[in-house]
Amino acid sequence: ILIRPYAPGDADATIEIFLRAIREVSSKDYLPAQIEAWAQVEDR
């Protein structure tokens, strides 16, 4: 595991990680409608 500073080209990767983590991991702790409301990035 390498921890490095965020770079401008990392936006798409971080959005994908954010959305997948909520939809696939947090979904065990929240209702489907809550996950749908949370797992959105409207302005990249």
All heavy atoms as atom14 arrays in JSON, in Angstrom:
{
  "sequence": "ILIRPYAPGDADATIEIFLRAIREVSSKDYLPAQIEAWAQVEDR",
  "atom14_mask": [
    [1, 1, 1, 1, 1, 1, 1, 1, 0, 0, 0, 0, 0, 0],
    [1, 1, 1, 1, 1, 1, 1, 1, 0, 0, 0, 0, 0, 0],
    [1, 1, 1, 1, 1, 1, 1, 1, 0, 0, 0, 0, 0, 0],
    [1, 1, 1, 1, 1, 1, 1, 1, 1, 1, 1, 0, 0, 0],
    [1, 1, 1, 1, 1, 1, 1, 0, 0, 0, 0, 0, 0, 0],
    [1, 1, 1, 1, 1, 1, 1, 1, 1, 1, 1, 1, 0, 0],
    [1, 1, 1, 1, 1, 0, 0, 0, 0, 0, 0, 0, 0, 0],
    [1, 1, 1, 1, 1, 1, 1, 0, 0, 0, 0, 0, 0, 0],
    [1, 1, 1, 1, 0, 0, 0, 0, 0, 0, 0, 0, 0, 0],
    [1, 1, 1, 1, 1, 1, 1, 1, 0, 0, 0, 0, 0, 0],
    [1, 1, 1, 1, 1, 0, 0, 0, 0, 0, 0, 0, 0, 0],
    [1, 1, 1, 1, 1, 1, 1, 1, 0, 0, 0, 0, 0, 0],
    [1, 1, 1, 1, 1, 0, 0, 0, 0, 0, 0, 0, 0, 0],
    [1, 1, 1, 1, 1, 1, 1, 0, 0, 0, 0, 0, 0, 0],
    [1, 1, 1, 1, 1, 1, 1, 1, 0, 0, 0, 0, 0, 0],
    [1, 1, 1, 1, 1, 1, 1, 1, 1, 0, 0, 0, 0, 0],
    [1, 1, 1, 1, 1, 1, 1, 1, 0, 0, 0, 0, 0, 0],
    [1, 1, 1, 1, 1, 1, 1, 1, 1, 1, 1, 0, 0, 0],
    [1, 1, 1, 1, 1, 1, 1, 1, 0, 0, 0, 0, 0, 0],
    [1, 1, 1, 1, 1, 1, 1, 1, 1, 1, 1, 0, 0, 0],
    [1, 1, 1, 1, 1, 0, 0, 0, 0, 0, 0, 0, 0, 0],
    [1, 1, 1, 1, 1, 1, 1, 1, 0, 0, 0, 0, 0, 0],
    [1, 1, 1, 1, 1, 1, 1, 1, 1, 1, 1, 0, 0, 0],
    [1, 1, 1, 1, 1, 1, 1, 1, 1, 0, 0, 0, 0, 0],
    [1, 1, 1, 1, 1, 1, 1, 0, 0, 0, 0, 0, 0, 0],
    [1, 1, 1, 1, 1, 1, 0, 0, 0, 0, 0, 0, 0, 0],
    [1, 1, 1, 1, 1, 1, 0, 0, 0, 0, 0, 0, 0, 0],
    [1, 1, 1, 1, 1, 1, 1, 1, 1, 0, 0, 0, 0, 0],
    [1, 1, 1, 1, 1, 1, 1, 1, 0, 0, 0, 0, 0, 0],
    [1, 1, 1, 1, 1, 1, 1, 1, 1, 1, 1, 1, 0, 0],
    [1, 1, 1, 1, 1, 1, 1, 1, 0, 0, 0, 0, 0, 0],
    [1, 1, 1, 1, 1, 1, 1, 0, 0, 0, 0, 0, 0, 0],
    [1, 1, 1, 1, 1, 0, 0, 0, 0, 0, 0, 0, 0, 0],
    [1, 1, 1, 1, 1, 1, 1, 1, 1, 0, 0, 0, 0, 0],
    [1, 1, 1, 1, 1, 1, 1, 1, 0, 0, 0, 0, 0, 0],
    [1, 1, 1, 1, 1, 1, 1, 1, 1, 0, 0, 0, 0, 0],
    [1, 1, 1, 1, 1, 0, 0, 0, 0, 0, 0, 0, 0, 0],
    [1, 1, 1, 1, 1, 1, 1, 1, 1, 1, 1, 1, 1, 1],
    [1, 1, 1, 1, 1, 0, 0, 0, 0, 0, 0, 0, 0, 0],
    [1, 1, 1, 1, 1, 1, 1, 1, 1, 0, 0, 0, 0, 0],
    [1, 1, 1, 1, 1, 1, 1, 0, 0, 0, 0, 0, 0, 0],
    [1, 1, 1, 1, 1, 1, 1, 1, 1, 0, 0, 0, 0, 0],
    [1, 1, 1, 1, 1, 1, 1, 1, 0, 0, 0, 0, 0, 0],
    [1, 1, 1, 1, 1, 1, 1, 1, 1, 1, 1, 0, 0, 0]
  ],
  "atom14_positions": [
    [[0.85, -1.19, 0.0], [0.0, 0.0, 0.0], [0.89, 1.24, 0.0], [1.73, 1.42, 0.86], [-0.94, 0.03, 1.23], [-1.84, -1.2, 1.24], [-1.78, 1.32, 1.22], [-2.6, -1.4, 2.54], [0.0, 0.0, 0.0], [0.0, 0.0, 0.0], [0.0, 0.0, 0.0], [0.0, 0.0, 0.0], [0.0, 0.0, 0.0], [0.0, 0.0, 0.0]],
    [[0.68, 2.08, -1.0], [1.37, 3.36, -1.09], [0.36, 4.46, -0.84], [-0.71, 4.47, -1.45], [1.98, 3.52, -2.5], [2.48, 4.92, -2.85], [3.76, 5.23, -2.09], [2.69, 5.06, -4.35], [0.0, 0.0, 0.0], [0.0, 0.0, 0.0], [0.0, 0.0, 0.0], [0.0, 0.0, 0.0], [0.0, 0.0, 0.0], [0.0, 0.0, 0.0]],
    [[0.68, 5.37, 0.08], [-0.17, 6.55, 0.32], [0.54, 7.73, -0.31], [1.68, 8.03, 0.03], [-0.38, 6.82, 1.83], [-0.87, 5.57, 2.57], [-1.31, 8.02, 2.03], [-2.27, 5.15, 2.28], [0.0, 0.0, 0.0], [0.0, 0.0, 0.0], [0.0, 0.0, 0.0], [0.0, 0.0, 0.0], [0.0, 0.0, 0.0], [0.0, 0.0, 0.0]],
    [[-0.12, 8.39, -1.26], [0.49, 9.52, -1.96], [-0.49, 10.68, -1.99], [-1.7, 10.5, -1.81], [0.9, 9.11, -3.37], [-0.27, 8.73, -4.25], [0.09, 8.76, -5.72], [-0.98, 8.28, -6.57], [-2.02, 9.0, -6.98], [-2.16, 10.26, -6.6], [-2.94, 8.49, -7.78], [0.0, 0.0, 0.0], [0.0, 0.0, 0.0], [0.0, 0.0, 0.0]],
    [[0.02, 11.9, -2.24], [-0.9, 13.04, -2.35], [-1.86, 12.88, -3.52], [-1.51, 12.31, -4.57], [0.04, 14.23, -2.59], [1.37, 13.78, -2.09], [1.42, 12.3, -2.34], [0.0, 0.0, 0.0], [0.0, 0.0, 0.0], [0.0, 0.0, 0.0], [0.0, 0.0, 0.0], [0.0, 0.0, 0.0], [0.0, 0.0, 0.0], [0.0, 0.0, 0.0]],
    [[-3.05, 13.39, -3.33], [-4.06, 13.44, -4.38], [-3.54, 14.3, -5.52], [-2.9, 15.33, -5.29], [-5.35, 14.04, -3.81], [-6.45, 14.24, -4.82], [-7.39, 13.26, -5.04], [-6.54, 15.43, -5.54], [-8.4, 13.44, -5.97], [-7.54, 15.62, -6.47], [-8.47, 14.62, -6.68], [-9.47, 14.81, -7.6], [0.0, 0.0, 0.0], [0.0, 0.0, 0.0]],
    [[-3.82, 13.9, -6.75], [-3.45, 14.67, -7.94], [-4.72, 14.96, -8.75], [-5.7, 14.21, -8.65], [-2.45, 13.88, -8.79], [0.0, 0.0, 0.0], [0.0, 0.0, 0.0], [0.0, 0.0, 0.0], [0.0, 0.0, 0.0], [0.0, 0.0, 0.0], [0.0, 0.0, 0.0], [0.0, 0.0, 0.0], [0.0, 0.0, 0.0], [0.0, 0.0, 0.0]],
    [[-4.71, 16.03, -9.56], [-5.92, 16.39, -10.32], [-6.49, 15.24, -11.15], [-7.71, 15.13, -11.29], [-5.45, 17.54, -11.22], [-4.35, 18.17, -10.44], [-3.65, 17.03, -9.74], [0.0, 0.0, 0.0], [0.0, 0.0, 0.0], [0.0, 0.0, 0.0], [0.0, 0.0, 0.0], [0.0, 0.0, 0.0], [0.0, 0.0, 0.0], [0.0, 0.0, 0.0]],
    [[-5.65, 14.36, -11.64], [-6.13, 13.24, -12.46], [-6.81, 12.13, -11.67], [-7.28, 11.15, -12.25], [0.0, 0.0, 0.0], [0.0, 0.0, 0.0], [0.0, 0.0, 0.0], [0.0, 0.0, 0.0], [0.0, 0.0, 0.0], [0.0, 0.0, 0.0], [0.0, 0.0, 0.0], [0.0, 0.0, 0.0], [0.0, 0.0, 0.0], [0.0, 0.0, 0.0]],
    [[-6.9, 12.27, -10.35], [-7.48, 11.23, -9.5], [-8.99, 11.37, -9.3], [-9.6, 10.54, -8.64], [-6.81, 11.25, -8.11], [-5.36, 10.8, -8.16], [-5.03, 9.89, -8.93], [-4.56, 11.38, -7.39], [0.0, 0.0, 0.0], [0.0, 0.0, 0.0], [0.0, 0.0, 0.0], [0.0, 0.0, 0.0], [0.0, 0.0, 0.0], [0.0, 0.0, 0.0]],
    [[-9.59, 12.4, -9.84], [-11.02, 12.66, -9.57], [-11.9, 11.47, -9.92], [-12.72, 11.04, -9.1], [-11.49, 13.92, -10.3], [0.0, 0.0, 0.0], [0.0, 0.0, 0.0], [0.0, 0.0, 0.0], [0.0, 0.0, 0.0], [0.0, 0.0, 0.0], [0.0, 0.0, 0.0], [0.0, 0.0, 0.0], [0.0, 0.0, 0.0], [0.0, 0.0, 0.0]],
    [[-11.77, 10.93, -11.13], [-12.65, 9.83, -11.53], [-12.46, 8.6, -10.65], [-13.44, 7.95, -10.27], [-12.42, 9.47, -13.0], [-12.99, 10.52, -13.94], [-13.82, 11.34, -13.51], [-12.6, 10.52, -15.12], [0.0, 0.0, 0.0], [0.0, 0.0, 0.0], [0.0, 0.0, 0.0], [0.0, 0.0, 0.0], [0.0, 0.0, 0.0], [0.0, 0.0, 0.0]],
    [[-11.22, 8.3, -10.29], [-10.97, 7.14, -9.43], [-11.6, 7.33, -8.05], [-12.2, 6.4, -7.5], [-9.47, 6.88, -9.29], [0.0, 0.0, 0.0], [0.0, 0.0, 0.0], [0.0, 0.0, 0.0], [0.0, 0.0, 0.0], [0.0, 0.0, 0.0], [0.0, 0.0, 0.0], [0.0, 0.0, 0.0], [0.0, 0.0, 0.0], [0.0, 0.0, 0.0]],
    [[-11.5, 8.55, -7.5], [-12.08, 8.78, -6.17], [-13.61, 8.74, -6.22], [-14.24, 8.23, -5.29], [-11.59, 10.1, -5.53], [-11.88, 11.19, -6.39], [-10.1, 10.05, -5.25], [0.0, 0.0, 0.0], [0.0, 0.0, 0.0], [0.0, 0.0, 0.0], [0.0, 0.0, 0.0], [0.0, 0.0, 0.0], [0.0, 0.0, 0.0], [0.0, 0.0, 0.0]],
    [[-14.19, 9.24, -7.29], [-15.65, 9.16, -7.43], [-16.09, 7.7, -7.49], [-17.04, 7.3, -6.82], [-16.12, 9.96, -8.67], [-15.96, 11.46, -8.41], [-17.57, 9.61, -9.02], [-16.16, 12.33, -9.64], [0.0, 0.0, 0.0], [0.0, 0.0, 0.0], [0.0, 0.0, 0.0], [0.0, 0.0, 0.0], [0.0, 0.0, 0.0], [0.0, 0.0, 0.0]],
    [[-15.39, 6.9, -8.27], [-15.74, 5.47, -8.37], [-15.62, 4.79, -7.01], [-16.5, 4.02, -6.61], [-14.85, 4.77, -9.39], [-15.18, 3.29, -9.5], [-14.15, 2.47, -10.26], [-13.21, 3.04, -10.83], [-14.3, 1.24, -10.24], [0.0, 0.0, 0.0], [0.0, 0.0, 0.0], [0.0, 0.0, 0.0], [0.0, 0.0, 0.0], [0.0, 0.0, 0.0]],
    [[-14.54, 5.06, -6.28], [-14.36, 4.45, -4.96], [-15.49, 4.88, -4.03], [-16.08, 4.04, -3.33], [-12.97, 4.84, -4.38], [-11.86, 4.19, -5.21], [-12.88, 4.45, -2.9], [-10.47, 4.77, -4.95], [0.0, 0.0, 0.0], [0.0, 0.0, 0.0], [0.0, 0.0, 0.0], [0.0, 0.0, 0.0], [0.0, 0.0, 0.0], [0.0, 0.0, 0.0]],
    [[-15.79, 6.16, -4.0], [-16.87, 6.7, -3.17], [-18.2, 6.0, -3.45], [-18.86, 5.48, -2.54], [-16.97, 8.21, -3.44], [-18.17, 8.9, -2.87], [-18.26, 9.17, -1.51], [-19.2, 9.32, -3.7], [-19.37, 9.84, -0.98], [-20.32, 9.99, -3.18], [-20.4, 10.24, -1.82], [0.0, 0.0, 0.0], [0.0, 0.0, 0.0], [0.0, 0.0, 0.0]],
    [[-18.59, 5.95, -4.72], [-19.88, 5.37, -5.09], [-19.94, 3.88, -4.79], [-20.93, 3.39, -4.24], [-20.16, 5.63, -6.58], [-20.34, 7.1, -6.96], [-20.5, 7.24, -8.46], [-21.52, 7.74, -6.21], [0.0, 0.0, 0.0], [0.0, 0.0, 0.0], [0.0, 0.0, 0.0], [0.0, 0.0, 0.0], [0.0, 0.0, 0.0], [0.0, 0.0, 0.0]],
    [[-18.88, 3.15, -5.12], [-18.88, 1.7, -4.87], [-18.87, 1.39, -3.38], [-19.55, 0.46, -2.93], [-17.7, 1.04, -5.56], [-17.89, 0.98, -7.08], [-16.93, 0.04, -7.75], [-17.04, -1.3, -7.18], [-16.0, -2.13, -7.03], [-14.79, -1.77, -7.42], [-16.17, -3.32, -6.51], [0.0, 0.0, 0.0], [0.0, 0.0, 0.0], [0.0, 0.0, 0.0]],
    [[-18.11, 2.14, -2.59], [-18.06, 1.88, -1.15], [-19.44, 2.07, -0.52], [-19.87, 1.25, 0.31], [-17.03, 2.78, -0.48], [0.0, 0.0, 0.0], [0.0, 0.0, 0.0], [0.0, 0.0, 0.0], [0.0, 0.0, 0.0], [0.0, 0.0, 0.0], [0.0, 0.0, 0.0], [0.0, 0.0, 0.0], [0.0, 0.0, 0.0], [0.0, 0.0, 0.0]],
    [[-20.13, 3.1, -0.92], [-21.47, 3.33, -0.36], [-22.44, 2.26, -0.84], [-23.15, 1.64, -0.04], [-21.99, 4.74, -0.73], [-21.13, 5.79, -0.05], [-23.46, 4.89, -0.33], [-21.34, 7.19, -0.57], [0.0, 0.0, 0.0], [0.0, 0.0, 0.0], [0.0, 0.0, 0.0], [0.0, 0.0, 0.0], [0.0, 0.0, 0.0], [0.0, 0.0, 0.0]],
    [[-22.46, 2.0, -2.14], [-23.43, 1.06, -2.7], [-23.18, -0.38, -2.29], [-24.13, -1.17, -2.15], [-23.44, 1.18, -4.22], [-24.04, 2.49, -4.69], [-23.96, 2.65, -6.19], [-24.53, 3.93, -6.59], [-24.17, 4.6, -7.68], [-23.26, 4.11, -8.49], [-24.74, 5.75, -7.96], [0.0, 0.0, 0.0], [0.0, 0.0, 0.0], [0.0, 0.0, 0.0]],
    [[-21.91, -0.75, -2.12], [-21.59, -2.16, -1.86], [-21.25, -2.46, -0.41], [-21.34, -3.62, 0.0], [-20.43, -2.6, -2.76], [-20.78, -2.5, -4.24], [-19.61, -2.8, -5.15], [-18.81, -3.71, -4.83], [-19.48, -2.11, -6.19], [0.0, 0.0, 0.0], [0.0, 0.0, 0.0], [0.0, 0.0, 0.0], [0.0, 0.0, 0.0], [0.0, 0.0, 0.0]],
    [[-20.85, -1.47, 0.37], [-20.46, -1.72, 1.76], [-21.46, -1.08, 2.72], [-22.0, -1.76, 3.6], [-19.01, -1.22, 2.04], [-18.62, -1.5, 3.48], [-18.03, -1.89, 1.08], [0.0, 0.0, 0.0], [0.0, 0.0, 0.0], [0.0, 0.0, 0.0], [0.0, 0.0, 0.0], [0.0, 0.0, 0.0], [0.0, 0.0, 0.0], [0.0, 0.0, 0.0]],
    [[-21.73, 0.2, 2.56], [-22.65, 0.88, 3.48], [-24.09, 0.42, 3.29], [-24.93, 0.64, 4.16], [-22.56, 2.39, 3.3], [-21.28, 2.84, 3.69], [0.0, 0.0, 0.0], [0.0, 0.0, 0.0], [0.0, 0.0, 0.0], [0.0, 0.0, 0.0], [0.0, 0.0, 0.0], [0.0, 0.0, 0.0], [0.0, 0.0, 0.0], [0.0, 0.0, 0.0]],
    [[-24.36, -0.26, 2.21], [-25.73, -0.73, 1.94], [-26.2, -1.72, 2.99], [-27.41, -1.93, 3.13], [-25.81, -1.34, 0.54], [-24.91, -2.42, 0.43], [0.0, 0.0, 0.0], [0.0, 0.0, 0.0], [0.0, 0.0, 0.0], [0.0, 0.0, 0.0], [0.0, 0.0, 0.0], [0.0, 0.0, 0.0], [0.0, 0.0, 0.0], [0.0, 0.0, 0.0]],
    [[-25.29, -2.31, 3.76], [-25.72, -3.21, 4.84], [-26.24, -2.44, 6.06], [-26.89, -3.02, 6.92], [-24.61, -4.17, 5.22], [-23.44, -3.55, 5.95], [-22.37, -4.6, 6.24], [-21.27, -4.11, 7.14], [-20.51, -2.98, 6.68], [0.0, 0.0, 0.0], [0.0, 0.0, 0.0], [0.0, 0.0, 0.0], [0.0, 0.0, 0.0], [0.0, 0.0, 0.0]],
    [[-25.95, -1.14, 6.13], [-26.33, -0.33, 7.28], [-27.4, 0.72, 7.0], [-27.85, 1.39, 7.93], [-25.09, 0.38, 7.83], [-24.06, -0.6, 8.35], [-24.43, -1.48, 9.14], [-22.88, -0.49, 7.96], [0.0, 0.0, 0.0], [0.0, 0.0, 0.0], [0.0, 0.0, 0.0], [0.0, 0.0, 0.0], [0.0, 0.0, 0.0], [0.0, 0.0, 0.0]],
    [[-27.77, 0.89, 5.74], [-28.75, 1.9, 5.36], [-29.76, 1.3, 4.38], [-29.45, 0.34, 3.68], [-28.07, 3.11, 4.72], [-27.18, 3.88, 5.7], [-25.84, 3.57, 5.84], [-27.71, 4.92, 6.47], [-25.03, 4.27, 6.74], [-26.92, 5.62, 7.38], [-25.57, 5.29, 7.51], [-24.79, 5.96, 8.4], [0.0, 0.0, 0.0], [0.0, 0.0, 0.0]],
    [[-30.93, 1.9, 4.31], [-31.98, 1.44, 3.4], [-31.64, 1.78, 1.95], [-30.91, 2.74, 1.69], [-33.31, 2.09, 3.77], [-33.84, 1.78, 5.18], [-35.05, 2.66, 5.49], [-34.19, 0.3, 5.28], [0.0, 0.0, 0.0], [0.0, 0.0, 0.0], [0.0, 0.0, 0.0], [0.0, 0.0, 0.0], [0.0, 0.0, 0.0], [0.0, 0.0, 0.0]],
    [[-32.18, 1.03, 0.99], [-31.89, 1.3, -0.42], [-32.15, 2.75, -0.84], [-31.35, 3.34, -1.57], [-32.8, 0.32, -1.18], [-32.96, -0.82, -0.23], [-32.98, -0.2, 1.15], [0.0, 0.0, 0.0], [0.0, 0.0, 0.0], [0.0, 0.0, 0.0], [0.0, 0.0, 0.0], [0.0, 0.0, 0.0], [0.0, 0.0, 0.0], [0.0, 0.0, 0.0]],
    [[-33.23, 3.35, -0.37], [-33.53, 4.75, -0.75], [-32.48, 5.7, -0.17], [-32.11, 6.69, -0.8], [-34.92, 5.15, -0.27], [0.0, 0.0, 0.0], [0.0, 0.0, 0.0], [0.0, 0.0, 0.0], [0.0, 0.0, 0.0], [0.0, 0.0, 0.0], [0.0, 0.0, 0.0], [0.0, 0.0, 0.0], [0.0, 0.0, 0.0], [0.0, 0.0, 0.0]],
    [[-31.99, 5.39, 1.02], [-30.93, 6.22, 1.62], [-29.64, 6.09, 0.83], [-28.95, 7.1, 0.59], [-30.7, 5.8, 3.09], [-31.88, 6.11, 3.99], [-31.7, 5.49, 5.36], [-31.34, 4.32, 5.5], [-31.97, 6.28, 6.39], [0.0, 0.0, 0.0], [0.0, 0.0, 0.0], [0.0, 0.0, 0.0], [0.0, 0.0, 0.0], [0.0, 0.0, 0.0]],
    [[-29.3, 4.89, 0.44], [-28.08, 4.66, -0.36], [-28.18, 5.41, -1.68], [-27.23, 6.07, -2.12], [-27.85, 3.14, -0.59], [-27.53, 2.45, 0.74], [-26.77, 2.89, -1.63], [-26.24, 2.88, 1.42], [0.0, 0.0, 0.0], [0.0, 0.0, 0.0], [0.0, 0.0, 0.0], [0.0, 0.0, 0.0], [0.0, 0.0, 0.0], [0.0, 0.0, 0.0]],
    [[-29.32, 5.32, -2.33], [-29.51, 6.01, -3.6], [-29.34, 7.51, -3.45], [-28.74, 8.18, -4.29], [-30.88, 5.67, -4.19], [-31.16, 6.28, -5.54], [-30.14, 5.93, -6.61], [-29.59, 4.81, -6.6], [-29.89, 6.79, -7.49], [0.0, 0.0, 0.0], [0.0, 0.0, 0.0], [0.0, 0.0, 0.0], [0.0, 0.0, 0.0], [0.0, 0.0, 0.0]],
    [[-29.86, 8.07, -2.36], [-29.75, 9.51, -2.12], [-28.3, 9.92, -1.82], [-27.85, 10.99, -2.24], [-30.66, 9.92, -0.97], [0.0, 0.0, 0.0], [0.0, 0.0, 0.0], [0.0, 0.0, 0.0], [0.0, 0.0, 0.0], [0.0, 0.0, 0.0], [0.0, 0.0, 0.0], [0.0, 0.0, 0.0], [0.0, 0.0, 0.0], [0.0, 0.0, 0.0]],
    [[-27.57, 9.08, -1.12], [-26.2, 9.38, -0.68], [-25.2, 9.15, -1.81], [-24.3, 9.96, -2.03], [-25.89, 8.49, 0.52], [-24.56, 8.64, 1.17], [-23.63, 9.64, 0.99], [-23.99, 7.76, 2.13], [-22.53, 9.41, 1.78], [-22.73, 8.25, 2.5], [-24.43, 6.57, 2.71], [-21.91, 7.62, 3.42], [-23.62, 5.94, 3.64], [-22.37, 6.46, 3.99]],
    [[-25.36, 8.07, -2.55], [-24.36, 7.67, -3.54], [-24.58, 8.39, -4.86], [-24.97, 7.79, -5.87], [-24.39, 6.15, -3.74], [0.0, 0.0, 0.0], [0.0, 0.0, 0.0], [0.0, 0.0, 0.0], [0.0, 0.0, 0.0], [0.0, 0.0, 0.0], [0.0, 0.0, 0.0], [0.0, 0.0, 0.0], [0.0, 0.0, 0.0], [0.0, 0.0, 0.0]],
    [[-24.32, 9.69, -4.85], [-24.43, 10.49, -6.06], [-23.36, 11.57, -6.05], [-23.05, 12.13, -5.0], [-25.8, 11.17, -6.15], [-26.95, 10.22, -6.36], [-28.24, 10.97, -6.63], [-28.26, 12.0, -7.3], [-29.33, 10.45, -6.1], [0.0, 0.0, 0.0], [0.0, 0.0, 0.0], [0.0, 0.0, 0.0], [0.0, 0.0, 0.0], [0.0, 0.0, 0.0]],
    [[-22.81, 11.83, -7.22], [-21.9, 12.96, -7.42], [-22.49, 13.75, -8.57], [-22.41, 13.32, -9.72], [-20.45, 12.5, -7.72], [-19.56, 13.7, -8.02], [-19.9, 11.68, -6.55], [0.0, 0.0, 0.0], [0.0, 0.0, 0.0], [0.0, 0.0, 0.0], [0.0, 0.0, 0.0], [0.0, 0.0, 0.0], [0.0, 0.0, 0.0], [0.0, 0.0, 0.0]],
    [[-23.11, 14.87, -8.27], [-23.81, 15.65, -9.29], [-22.87, 16.54, -10.09], [-23.12, 16.81, -11.25], [-24.91, 16.48, -8.65], [-26.02, 15.62, -8.08], [-27.0, 16.38, -7.22], [-26.67, 17.5, -6.78], [-28.09, 15.84, -6.98], [0.0, 0.0, 0.0], [0.0, 0.0, 0.0], [0.0, 0.0, 0.0], [0.0, 0.0, 0.0], [0.0, 0.0, 0.0]],
    [[-21.78, 17.0, -9.47], [-20.88, 17.94, -10.12], [-19.43, 17.45, -9.98], [-18.8, 17.66, -8.95], [-21.06, 19.33, -9.49], [-20.28, 20.41, -10.22], [-19.25, 20.11, -10.87], [-20.69, 21.59, -10.13], [0.0, 0.0, 0.0], [0.0, 0.0, 0.0], [0.0, 0.0, 0.0], [0.0, 0.0, 0.0], [0.0, 0.0, 0.0], [0.0, 0.0, 0.0]],
    [[-18.94, 16.79, -11.02], [-17.59, 16.22, -10.99], [-16.52, 17.31, -10.84], [-15.5, 17.09, -10.2], [-17.34, 15.39, -12.25], [-18.27, 14.21, -12.36], [-18.16, 13.5, -13.7], [-17.17, 12.45, -13.71], [-17.36, 11.24, -13.22], [-18.5, 10.92, -12.66], [-16.41, 10.33, -13.3], [0.0, 0.0, 0.0], [0.0, 0.0, 0.0], [0.0, 0.0, 0.0]]
  ]
}
